[in-house]
Amino acid sequence: MSDLLERLRGRGWRMTAQRRVVAEVLDGEHVHLTADEVHARAVAKLPEISRATVYNTLGELVSLGEVLEVSTDQRAKRYDPNAHQPHHHLVCAQCGAIRDVHPVGNPLADLPASERFGFTVSDVEVTYRGVCPNCAAA
């Protein structure tokens, strides 16, 4: 489970009612919501929250490094509160469901020197694609 609220409190982030609701909506395990989904869930908790406030808050959380902006395909960007634990993503090619995965090993070490083309590689993103059980059953 994400510890987003605790991390934000620890940073001394000014916790307005609107910011708290956005953080609460994002908090959890395997959370990868679009901005529109965050807004819809936030409105259910705080009806007066505006779309602009949600977008601005998401942008600020990404800038702070507390939320990752995930783009796994041509669909809308998603927001991942699991920003401080290295992980990859498993994506359903049919419905777009996303799960965090933690495979064993170091994918950065798996890239041979001959394939680095002189780059100093500092990060790697891996996305596994397949069909989730719900789509497979349909």
N, C-alpha and C. Protein backbone atom coordinates (compact mmCIF):
# COMPACT_ATOMS: atom_id res chain seq x y z
N MET A 1 0.83 -1.19 0.00
CA MET A 1 0.00 0.00 0.00
C MET A 1 0.87 1.25 0.00
N SER A 2 0.44 2.28 -0.70
CA SER A 2 1.16 3.54 -0.77
C SER A 2 1.10 4.25 0.58
N ASP A 3 2.11 5.03 0.85
CA ASP A 3 2.13 5.84 2.07
C ASP A 3 2.14 7.32 1.71
N LEU A 4 1.43 7.66 0.65
CA LEU A 4 1.44 9.02 0.11
C LEU A 4 1.08 10.07 1.14
N LEU A 5 0.01 9.89 1.88
CA LEU A 5 -0.40 10.90 2.87
C LEU A 5 0.68 11.14 3.91
N GLU A 6 1.28 10.05 4.39
CA GLU A 6 2.34 10.20 5.40
C GLU A 6 3.56 10.92 4.82
N ARG A 7 3.91 10.59 3.58
CA ARG A 7 5.06 11.25 2.93
C ARG A 7 4.80 12.74 2.79
N LEU A 8 3.59 13.11 2.40
CA LEU A 8 3.27 14.53 2.20
C LEU A 8 3.27 15.28 3.53
N ARG A 9 2.73 14.65 4.57
CA ARG A 9 2.77 15.29 5.90
C ARG A 9 4.21 15.48 6.36
N GLY A 10 5.04 14.47 6.10
CA GLY A 10 6.45 14.53 6.49
C GLY A 10 7.21 15.64 5.78
N ARG A 11 6.77 15.99 4.60
CA ARG A 11 7.40 17.08 3.84
C ARG A 11 6.90 18.45 4.29
N GLY A 12 5.86 18.45 5.12
CA GLY A 12 5.28 19.72 5.53
C GLY A 12 4.41 20.34 4.43
N TRP A 13 3.92 19.51 3.54
CA TRP A 13 3.08 19.99 2.44
C TRP A 13 1.78 20.53 3.01
N ARG A 14 1.43 21.75 2.63
CA ARG A 14 0.21 22.38 3.14
C ARG A 14 -1.00 21.56 2.71
N MET A 15 -1.69 20.99 3.68
CA MET A 15 -2.75 20.03 3.42
C MET A 15 -4.11 20.72 3.47
N THR A 16 -4.51 21.35 2.35
CA THR A 16 -5.86 21.90 2.25
C THR A 16 -6.84 20.74 2.10
N ALA A 17 -8.11 21.03 2.23
CA ALA A 17 -9.13 19.99 2.06
C ALA A 17 -9.06 19.39 0.66
N GLN A 18 -8.83 20.23 -0.35
CA GLN A 18 -8.77 19.76 -1.72
C GLN A 18 -7.55 18.86 -1.94
N ARG A 19 -6.40 19.29 -1.45
CA ARG A 19 -5.19 18.49 -1.60
C ARG A 19 -5.31 17.16 -0.86
N ARG A 20 -5.90 17.20 0.31
CA ARG A 20 -6.06 15.98 1.10
C ARG A 20 -6.93 14.97 0.34
N VAL A 21 -8.01 15.43 -0.27
CA VAL A 21 -8.90 14.54 -1.00
C VAL A 21 -8.17 13.92 -2.20
N VAL A 22 -7.42 14.71 -2.93
CA VAL A 22 -6.67 14.17 -4.07
C VAL A 22 -5.67 13.12 -3.59
N ALA A 23 -4.96 13.42 -2.51
CA ALA A 23 -4.00 12.45 -1.96
C ALA A 23 -4.70 11.19 -1.47
N GLU A 24 -5.85 11.33 -0.84
CA GLU A 24 -6.61 10.16 -0.37
C GLU A 24 -7.07 9.30 -1.54
N VAL A 25 -7.51 9.92 -2.61
CA VAL A 25 -7.96 9.19 -3.79
C VAL A 25 -6.79 8.40 -4.40
N LEU A 26 -5.61 8.98 -4.40
CA LEU A 26 -4.44 8.33 -4.99
C LEU A 26 -3.82 7.27 -4.09
N ASP A 27 -4.06 7.35 -2.80
CA ASP A 27 -3.40 6.46 -1.85
C ASP A 27 -3.91 5.04 -2.00
N GLY A 28 -3.00 4.10 -2.06
CA GLY A 28 -3.39 2.70 -2.15
C GLY A 28 -2.41 1.89 -2.96
N GLU A 29 -2.72 0.62 -3.08
CA GLU A 29 -1.87 -0.31 -3.82
C GLU A 29 -2.43 -0.49 -5.23
N HIS A 30 -1.57 -0.53 -6.23
CA HIS A 30 -1.94 -0.71 -7.63
C HIS A 30 -2.85 0.41 -8.12
N VAL A 31 -2.64 1.61 -7.64
CA VAL A 31 -3.44 2.76 -8.05
C VAL A 31 -2.78 3.40 -9.26
N HIS A 32 -3.51 3.49 -10.36
CA HIS A 32 -3.02 4.10 -11.59
C HIS A 32 -4.20 4.80 -12.26
N LEU A 33 -4.66 5.87 -11.66
CA LEU A 33 -5.86 6.56 -12.13
C LEU A 33 -5.51 7.67 -13.12
N THR A 34 -6.42 7.93 -14.05
CA THR A 34 -6.29 9.10 -14.91
C THR A 34 -6.70 10.33 -14.11
N ALA A 35 -6.38 11.51 -14.63
CA ALA A 35 -6.78 12.74 -13.95
C ALA A 35 -8.30 12.83 -13.84
N ASP A 36 -9.01 12.40 -14.88
CA ASP A 36 -10.47 12.43 -14.84
C ASP A 36 -11.02 11.47 -13.78
N GLU A 37 -10.39 10.31 -13.63
CA GLU A 37 -10.82 9.37 -12.59
C GLU A 37 -10.54 9.93 -11.20
N VAL A 38 -9.39 10.60 -11.04
CA VAL A 38 -9.09 11.23 -9.76
C VAL A 38 -10.15 12.29 -9.46
N HIS A 39 -10.49 13.09 -10.46
CA HIS A 39 -11.49 14.14 -10.27
C HIS A 39 -12.84 13.55 -9.88
N ALA A 40 -13.28 12.52 -10.59
CA ALA A 40 -14.59 11.91 -10.29
C ALA A 40 -14.64 11.38 -8.86
N ARG A 41 -13.57 10.72 -8.44
CA ARG A 41 -13.54 10.18 -7.07
C ARG A 41 -13.41 11.29 -6.03
N ALA A 42 -12.70 12.35 -6.38
CA ALA A 42 -12.55 13.48 -5.46
C ALA A 42 -13.88 14.21 -5.28
N VAL A 43 -14.63 14.37 -6.36
CA VAL A 43 -15.94 15.04 -6.30
C VAL A 43 -16.90 14.25 -5.40
N ALA A 44 -16.78 12.92 -5.41
CA ALA A 44 -17.64 12.10 -4.56
C ALA A 44 -17.36 12.37 -3.08
N LYS A 45 -16.12 12.77 -2.77
CA LYS A 45 -15.75 13.06 -1.38
C LYS A 45 -15.89 14.53 -1.03
N LEU A 46 -15.66 15.40 -2.02
CA LEU A 46 -15.68 16.84 -1.81
C LEU A 46 -16.30 17.47 -3.06
N PRO A 47 -17.64 17.59 -3.08
CA PRO A 47 -18.35 18.00 -4.31
C PRO A 47 -17.88 19.31 -4.93
N GLU A 48 -17.35 20.22 -4.13
CA GLU A 48 -16.97 21.52 -4.68
C GLU A 48 -15.58 21.56 -5.31
N ILE A 49 -14.84 20.45 -5.30
CA ILE A 49 -13.49 20.46 -5.85
C ILE A 49 -13.56 20.61 -7.38
N SER A 50 -12.73 21.48 -7.92
CA SER A 50 -12.76 21.74 -9.36
C SER A 50 -11.77 20.84 -10.10
N ARG A 51 -12.04 20.68 -11.36
CA ARG A 51 -11.15 19.91 -12.23
C ARG A 51 -9.76 20.57 -12.25
N ALA A 52 -9.72 21.90 -12.32
CA ALA A 52 -8.44 22.62 -12.35
C ALA A 52 -7.63 22.35 -11.09
N THR A 53 -8.28 22.31 -9.94
CA THR A 53 -7.58 22.04 -8.69
C THR A 53 -6.98 20.64 -8.71
N VAL A 54 -7.74 19.68 -9.23
CA VAL A 54 -7.23 18.30 -9.31
C VAL A 54 -6.02 18.26 -10.23
N TYR A 55 -6.12 18.85 -11.41
CA TYR A 55 -4.99 18.85 -12.36
C TYR A 55 -3.78 19.57 -11.77
N ASN A 56 -4.00 20.70 -11.13
CA ASN A 56 -2.88 21.44 -10.52
C ASN A 56 -2.24 20.64 -9.40
N THR A 57 -3.04 19.98 -8.59
CA THR A 57 -2.52 19.18 -7.49
C THR A 57 -1.72 18.00 -8.02
N LEU A 58 -2.23 17.33 -9.04
CA LEU A 58 -1.50 16.22 -9.65
C LEU A 58 -0.16 16.70 -10.20
N GLY A 59 -0.17 17.84 -10.88
CA GLY A 59 1.08 18.40 -11.40
C GLY A 59 2.08 18.70 -10.30
N GLU A 60 1.60 19.23 -9.21
CA GLU A 60 2.47 19.53 -8.08
C GLU A 60 3.04 18.26 -7.45
N LEU A 61 2.20 17.23 -7.31
CA LEU A 61 2.66 15.96 -6.74
C LEU A 61 3.72 15.31 -7.62
N VAL A 62 3.55 15.42 -8.93
CA VAL A 62 4.56 14.89 -9.86
C VAL A 62 5.85 15.70 -9.73
N SER A 63 5.74 17.02 -9.69
CA SER A 63 6.92 17.88 -9.53
C SER A 63 7.68 17.61 -8.25
N LEU A 64 6.95 17.29 -7.19
CA LEU A 64 7.58 16.96 -5.91
C LEU A 64 8.24 15.59 -5.92
N GLY A 65 7.91 14.78 -6.92
CA GLY A 65 8.44 13.41 -6.97
C GLY A 65 7.68 12.46 -6.08
N GLU A 66 6.47 12.84 -5.66
CA GLU A 66 5.68 11.99 -4.77
C GLU A 66 4.69 11.11 -5.53
N VAL A 67 4.46 11.43 -6.79
CA VAL A 67 3.57 10.66 -7.65
C VAL A 67 4.25 10.56 -9.02
N LEU A 68 4.17 9.38 -9.62
CA LEU A 68 4.73 9.17 -10.95
C LEU A 68 3.64 9.36 -12.00
N GLU A 69 4.02 9.97 -13.10
CA GLU A 69 3.13 10.07 -14.25
C GLU A 69 3.46 8.89 -15.15
N VAL A 70 2.49 8.03 -15.38
CA VAL A 70 2.71 6.79 -16.13
C VAL A 70 1.98 6.87 -17.46
N SER A 71 2.71 6.61 -18.52
CA SER A 71 2.12 6.56 -19.86
C SER A 71 2.52 5.23 -20.47
N THR A 72 1.60 4.27 -20.47
CA THR A 72 1.93 2.93 -20.94
C THR A 72 1.48 2.68 -22.37
N ASP A 73 0.69 3.57 -22.92
CA ASP A 73 0.20 3.40 -24.28
C ASP A 73 -0.33 4.75 -24.75
N GLN A 74 -1.17 4.74 -25.73
CA GLN A 74 -1.69 5.98 -26.29
C GLN A 74 -2.89 6.52 -25.52
N ARG A 75 -3.19 5.88 -24.40
CA ARG A 75 -4.32 6.33 -23.58
C ARG A 75 -3.87 7.47 -22.68
N ALA A 76 -4.78 7.96 -21.86
CA ALA A 76 -4.48 9.08 -20.97
C ALA A 76 -3.37 8.72 -19.98
N LYS A 77 -2.64 9.74 -19.56
CA LYS A 77 -1.63 9.54 -18.52
C LYS A 77 -2.32 9.08 -17.25
N ARG A 78 -1.59 8.28 -16.49
CA ARG A 78 -2.10 7.79 -15.21
C ARG A 78 -1.14 8.23 -14.12
N TYR A 79 -1.63 8.25 -12.90
CA TYR A 79 -0.85 8.74 -11.77
C TYR A 79 -0.66 7.62 -10.75
N ASP A 80 0.60 7.37 -10.41
CA ASP A 80 1.01 6.25 -9.58
C ASP A 80 1.66 6.78 -8.29
N PRO A 81 1.04 6.53 -7.13
CA PRO A 81 1.60 7.02 -5.87
C PRO A 81 2.79 6.19 -5.37
N ASN A 82 3.09 5.11 -6.04
CA ASN A 82 4.18 4.22 -5.63
C ASN A 82 5.49 4.76 -6.21
N ALA A 83 5.84 5.98 -5.82
CA ALA A 83 6.97 6.68 -6.42
C ALA A 83 8.31 6.37 -5.77
N HIS A 84 8.33 5.75 -4.62
CA HIS A 84 9.59 5.57 -3.90
C HIS A 84 10.02 4.11 -3.80
N GLN A 85 9.31 3.22 -4.46
CA GLN A 85 9.69 1.81 -4.49
C GLN A 85 9.91 1.42 -5.94
N PRO A 86 11.11 0.97 -6.28
CA PRO A 86 11.35 0.57 -7.68
C PRO A 86 10.37 -0.54 -8.09
N HIS A 87 9.75 -0.36 -9.23
CA HIS A 87 8.81 -1.35 -9.73
C HIS A 87 8.60 -1.15 -11.22
N HIS A 88 7.98 -2.14 -11.84
CA HIS A 88 7.62 -2.09 -13.24
C HIS A 88 6.10 -2.19 -13.32
N HIS A 89 5.60 -2.21 -14.54
CA HIS A 89 4.15 -2.29 -14.72
C HIS A 89 3.76 -3.45 -15.61
N LEU A 90 2.64 -4.06 -15.27
CA LEU A 90 2.01 -5.12 -16.04
C LEU A 90 0.69 -4.53 -16.55
N VAL A 91 0.51 -4.49 -17.86
CA VAL A 91 -0.63 -3.79 -18.46
C VAL A 91 -1.46 -4.75 -19.30
N CYS A 92 -2.77 -4.70 -19.11
CA CYS A 92 -3.68 -5.51 -19.93
C CYS A 92 -3.85 -4.80 -21.27
N ALA A 93 -3.56 -5.52 -22.34
CA ALA A 93 -3.65 -4.97 -23.69
C ALA A 93 -5.09 -4.72 -24.12
N GLN A 94 -6.07 -5.28 -23.41
CA GLN A 94 -7.46 -5.09 -23.80
C GLN A 94 -8.15 -3.99 -23.02
N CYS A 95 -8.11 -4.06 -21.69
CA CYS A 95 -8.85 -3.08 -20.88
C CYS A 95 -7.96 -1.97 -20.32
N GLY A 96 -6.64 -2.15 -20.36
CA GLY A 96 -5.73 -1.13 -19.87
C GLY A 96 -5.43 -1.20 -18.38
N ALA A 97 -5.93 -2.22 -17.69
CA ALA A 97 -5.64 -2.36 -16.25
C ALA A 97 -4.13 -2.41 -16.04
N ILE A 98 -3.68 -1.80 -14.97
CA ILE A 98 -2.24 -1.75 -14.67
C ILE A 98 -2.00 -2.28 -13.27
N ARG A 99 -0.99 -3.09 -13.11
CA ARG A 99 -0.56 -3.61 -11.81
C ARG A 99 0.92 -3.33 -11.65
N ASP A 100 1.32 -3.00 -10.44
CA ASP A 100 2.74 -2.87 -10.11
C ASP A 100 3.32 -4.26 -9.94
N VAL A 101 4.50 -4.49 -10.49
CA VAL A 101 5.19 -5.77 -10.32
C VAL A 101 6.62 -5.51 -9.87
N HIS A 102 7.15 -6.46 -9.13
CA HIS A 102 8.49 -6.34 -8.56
C HIS A 102 9.31 -7.57 -8.90
N PRO A 103 9.72 -7.71 -10.18
CA PRO A 103 10.49 -8.89 -10.55
C PRO A 103 11.87 -8.88 -9.90
N VAL A 104 12.43 -10.06 -9.78
CA VAL A 104 13.76 -10.21 -9.18
C VAL A 104 14.79 -9.90 -10.25
N GLY A 105 15.89 -9.32 -9.84
CA GLY A 105 16.96 -9.02 -10.78
C GLY A 105 17.09 -7.54 -11.05
N ASN A 106 18.05 -7.20 -11.86
CA ASN A 106 18.32 -5.81 -12.17
C ASN A 106 18.30 -5.63 -13.69
N PRO A 107 17.20 -5.08 -14.25
CA PRO A 107 17.11 -4.95 -15.70
C PRO A 107 18.20 -4.03 -16.27
N LEU A 108 18.69 -3.11 -15.47
CA LEU A 108 19.76 -2.23 -15.93
C LEU A 108 21.03 -3.03 -16.18
N ALA A 109 21.30 -4.01 -15.33
CA ALA A 109 22.48 -4.85 -15.49
C ALA A 109 22.33 -5.79 -16.68
N ASP A 110 21.11 -6.04 -17.11
CA ASP A 110 20.87 -6.95 -18.24
C ASP A 110 21.17 -6.32 -19.60
N LEU A 111 21.40 -5.03 -19.64
CA LEU A 111 21.71 -4.35 -20.90
C LEU A 111 23.22 -4.43 -21.14
N PRO A 112 23.65 -5.22 -22.12
CA PRO A 112 25.10 -5.37 -22.35
C PRO A 112 25.74 -4.05 -22.75
N ALA A 113 27.01 -3.91 -22.45
CA ALA A 113 27.76 -2.69 -22.79
C ALA A 113 27.68 -2.40 -24.29
N SER A 114 27.67 -3.45 -25.12
CA SER A 114 27.61 -3.26 -26.57
C SER A 114 26.29 -2.64 -27.02
N GLU A 115 25.25 -2.72 -26.20
CA GLU A 115 23.94 -2.16 -26.54
C GLU A 115 23.69 -0.81 -25.87
N ARG A 116 24.67 -0.28 -25.18
CA ARG A 116 24.49 1.02 -24.50
C ARG A 116 24.92 2.19 -25.38
N PHE A 117 25.65 1.91 -26.44
CA PHE A 117 26.06 2.92 -27.41
C PHE A 117 26.72 4.14 -26.76
N GLY A 118 27.50 3.88 -25.71
CA GLY A 118 28.21 4.96 -25.04
C GLY A 118 27.38 5.72 -24.02
N PHE A 119 26.12 5.39 -23.88
CA PHE A 119 25.26 6.07 -22.92
C PHE A 119 25.68 5.69 -21.50
N THR A 120 25.55 6.62 -20.58
CA THR A 120 25.60 6.32 -19.16
C THR A 120 24.15 6.15 -18.75
N VAL A 121 23.74 4.91 -18.59
CA VAL A 121 22.34 4.61 -18.33
C VAL A 121 22.06 4.79 -16.84
N SER A 122 21.02 5.56 -16.51
CA SER A 122 20.72 5.85 -15.11
C SER A 122 19.39 5.27 -14.65
N ASP A 123 18.53 4.89 -15.60
CA ASP A 123 17.21 4.42 -15.21
C ASP A 123 16.68 3.50 -16.29
N VAL A 124 15.75 2.65 -15.90
CA VAL A 124 15.11 1.74 -16.84
C VAL A 124 13.63 1.63 -16.48
N GLU A 125 12.78 1.58 -17.51
CA GLU A 125 11.36 1.36 -17.31
C GLU A 125 10.97 0.12 -18.09
N VAL A 126 10.32 -0.81 -17.43
CA VAL A 126 9.88 -2.04 -18.08
C VAL A 126 8.36 -2.11 -17.98
N THR A 127 7.73 -2.40 -19.11
CA THR A 127 6.29 -2.60 -19.13
C THR A 127 6.02 -3.97 -19.73
N TYR A 128 5.38 -4.80 -18.94
CA TYR A 128 4.95 -6.12 -19.41
C TYR A 128 3.53 -5.98 -19.91
N ARG A 129 3.24 -6.59 -21.04
CA ARG A 129 1.89 -6.51 -21.61
C ARG A 129 1.31 -7.91 -21.74
N GLY A 130 0.02 -8.00 -21.56
CA GLY A 130 -0.67 -9.27 -21.69
C GLY A 130 -2.16 -9.04 -21.56
N VAL A 131 -2.89 -10.07 -21.20
CA VAL A 131 -4.34 -9.99 -21.03
C VAL A 131 -4.66 -10.39 -19.61
N CYS A 132 -5.40 -9.54 -18.91
CA CYS A 132 -5.75 -9.80 -17.51
C CYS A 132 -6.77 -10.95 -17.42
N PRO A 133 -6.94 -11.53 -16.26
CA PRO A 133 -7.89 -12.65 -16.11
C PRO A 133 -9.32 -12.27 -16.47
N ASN A 134 -9.75 -11.05 -16.15
CA ASN A 134 -11.13 -10.65 -16.47
C ASN A 134 -11.36 -10.60 -17.98
N CYS A 135 -10.40 -10.05 -18.71
CA CYS A 135 -10.55 -9.98 -20.17
C CYS A 135 -10.41 -11.35 -20.81
N ALA A 136 -9.54 -12.17 -20.25
CA ALA A 136 -9.34 -13.51 -20.79
C ALA A 136 -10.62 -14.36 -20.62
N ALA A 137 -11.35 -14.11 -19.54
CA ALA A 137 -12.57 -14.87 -19.26
C ALA A 137 -13.75 -14.41 -20.10
N ALA A 138 -13.67 -13.19 -20.59
CA ALA A 138 -14.80 -12.61 -21.36
C ALA A 138 -14.88 -13.15 -22.77
